[in-house]
Amino acid sequence: MAKNTPKQYAIALHQIVAGLSGKSLDEALKQFVILLARDHKLKQADTIISEFVRYSKKAEGIAEIEITTVGDLDEKTINKIKSSFGDKVEATIKVDPNILGGIKIKTEDRILDASLKTQLLKLKESII
């Protein structure tokens, strides 16, 4: 029998609780925890919850991006970047002085790297 991954549990939970509220939601969550305990997956609860949140956002059409820069960005710049990825975008901002300058944007399936560090590495490779 194949083992279920945390992502599969998260998707199942999302499908089960969609549209539920109140006591019916409480009961569904209780049964889900019992299932996790039976399958010895309680230690993976944090991972399952993270996958559930990621899957729920994706189902609602919310894109998640991670913006890495050498310093803080103003709200206007952040909003311009977010608008390039759609209407519903949640951005996480990271500051990393190691990129030297420029910007890196990471989406679910792509990395757009316009950092000075990467540009210098490409220049070095082309010279060698």
Protein backbone atom coordinates (compact mmCIF):
# COMPACT_ATOMS: atom_id res chain seq x y z
CA MET A 1 0.00 0.00 0.00
CA ALA A 2 1.40 3.38 -1.00
CA LYS A 3 2.02 5.93 1.71
CA ASN A 4 0.23 9.26 1.51
CA THR A 5 2.33 12.39 1.35
CA PRO A 6 1.67 15.49 3.47
CA LYS A 7 0.46 17.21 0.29
CA GLN A 8 -2.10 14.45 -0.33
CA TYR A 9 -3.40 14.80 3.24
CA ALA A 10 -3.59 18.59 2.78
CA ILE A 11 -5.58 18.27 -0.45
CA ALA A 12 -7.93 15.76 1.18
CA LEU A 13 -8.45 18.10 4.13
CA HIS A 14 -9.17 21.00 1.81
CA GLN A 15 -11.77 18.98 -0.07
CA ILE A 16 -13.37 17.77 3.17
CA VAL A 17 -13.68 21.16 4.89
CA ALA A 18 -14.67 23.22 1.84
CA GLY A 19 -17.88 25.02 2.71
CA LEU A 20 -18.11 23.67 6.26
CA SER A 21 -18.49 25.83 9.35
CA GLY A 22 -19.45 25.54 12.98
CA LYS A 23 -19.98 22.08 14.47
CA SER A 24 -19.66 20.28 11.14
CA LEU A 25 -16.22 21.87 10.61
CA ASP A 26 -15.19 20.93 14.16
CA GLU A 27 -16.29 17.33 13.60
CA ALA A 28 -14.48 17.10 10.24
CA LEU A 29 -11.26 18.40 11.81
CA LYS A 30 -11.62 15.99 14.73
CA GLN A 31 -12.01 13.06 12.32
CA PHE A 32 -9.04 14.27 10.30
CA VAL A 33 -6.83 14.35 13.42
CA ILE A 34 -8.01 10.83 14.27
CA LEU A 35 -7.02 9.76 10.73
CA LEU A 36 -3.57 11.34 11.16
CA ALA A 37 -3.12 9.55 14.49
CA ARG A 38 -4.20 6.22 12.98
CA ASP A 39 -1.77 6.69 10.08
CA HIS A 40 1.06 7.79 12.46
CA LYS A 41 1.27 11.19 10.74
CA LEU A 42 0.80 13.56 13.70
CA LYS A 43 4.51 14.42 13.65
CA GLN A 44 3.99 15.74 10.11
CA ALA A 45 1.10 18.01 11.13
CA ASP A 46 3.13 21.21 10.60
CA THR A 47 4.07 20.13 7.07
CA ILE A 48 0.48 19.11 6.32
CA ILE A 49 -0.80 22.48 7.56
CA SER A 50 1.76 24.34 5.42
CA GLU A 51 0.72 22.31 2.38
CA PHE A 52 -2.96 22.95 3.21
CA VAL A 53 -2.39 26.72 3.33
CA ARG A 54 -0.40 26.64 0.07
CA TYR A 55 -3.06 24.52 -1.67
CA SER A 56 -5.92 26.69 -0.36
CA LYS A 57 -4.26 29.86 -1.63
CA LYS A 58 -3.64 28.29 -5.01
CA ALA A 59 -7.28 27.13 -5.19
CA GLU A 60 -8.39 30.71 -4.47
CA GLY A 61 -6.10 32.04 -7.22
CA ILE A 62 -3.63 33.71 -4.85
CA ALA A 63 -0.07 33.75 -6.16
CA GLU A 64 2.81 33.74 -3.68
CA ILE A 65 6.09 35.41 -4.53
CA GLU A 66 9.29 35.94 -2.60
CA ILE A 67 11.19 39.16 -3.30
CA THR A 68 14.85 39.30 -2.26
CA THR A 69 16.76 42.57 -2.32
CA VAL A 70 19.87 44.01 -0.74
CA GLY A 71 17.79 46.54 1.26
CA ASP A 72 14.23 47.49 2.09
CA LEU A 73 11.78 48.34 -0.69
CA ASP A 74 9.10 51.03 -0.49
CA GLU A 75 5.42 50.04 -0.77
CA LYS A 76 5.07 51.59 -4.23
CA THR A 77 7.84 49.37 -5.63
CA ILE A 78 6.47 46.27 -3.90
CA ASN A 79 2.98 46.96 -5.29
CA LYS A 80 4.39 47.44 -8.81
CA ILE A 81 6.19 44.09 -8.60
CA LYS A 82 3.08 42.37 -7.22
CA SER A 83 0.88 43.79 -9.98
CA SER A 84 3.17 42.16 -12.56
CA PHE A 85 2.13 38.75 -11.21
CA GLY A 86 -1.64 39.28 -11.12
CA ASP A 87 -4.45 40.68 -9.02
CA LYS A 88 -4.18 38.36 -6.03
CA VAL A 89 -0.54 38.26 -4.93
CA GLU A 90 1.03 37.77 -1.53
CA ALA A 91 4.65 38.85 -1.30
CA THR A 92 7.28 37.88 1.21
CA ILE A 93 10.17 40.33 1.36
CA LYS A 94 13.67 39.13 2.21
CA VAL A 95 16.75 41.27 2.67
CA ASP A 96 20.02 39.58 1.66
CA PRO A 97 23.19 41.71 1.46
CA ASN A 98 24.96 38.80 -0.30
CA ILE A 99 23.20 39.53 -3.59
CA LEU A 100 25.12 42.87 -3.69
CA GLY A 101 22.35 44.70 -5.57
CA GLY A 102 19.41 44.17 -7.87
CA ILE A 103 16.51 41.85 -7.14
CA LYS A 104 15.49 38.18 -7.12
CA ILE A 105 11.86 37.13 -7.42
CA LYS A 106 10.86 33.57 -6.70
CA THR A 107 7.47 32.17 -7.68
CA GLU A 108 6.14 28.67 -7.29
CA ASP A 109 7.84 27.45 -10.45
CA ARG A 110 10.29 30.17 -11.52
CA ILE A 111 13.17 32.25 -10.22
CA LEU A 112 13.78 35.61 -11.85
CA ASP A 113 17.31 36.59 -10.87
CA ALA A 114 18.44 40.10 -11.70
CA SER A 115 20.88 40.32 -8.81
CA LEU A 116 24.29 41.92 -9.22
CA LYS A 117 25.93 38.81 -7.77
CA THR A 118 24.44 36.61 -10.52
CA GLN A 119 25.35 39.11 -13.22
CA LEU A 120 28.95 39.20 -11.99
CA LEU A 121 29.12 35.40 -11.90
CA LYS A 122 27.83 35.23 -15.50
CA LEU A 123 30.41 37.80 -16.57
CA LYS A 124 33.16 35.81 -14.85
CA GLU A 125 32.06 32.61 -16.61
CA SER A 126 32.00 34.33 -20.00
CA ILE A 127 35.51 35.70 -19.49
CA ILE A 128 36.95 32.35 -18.45
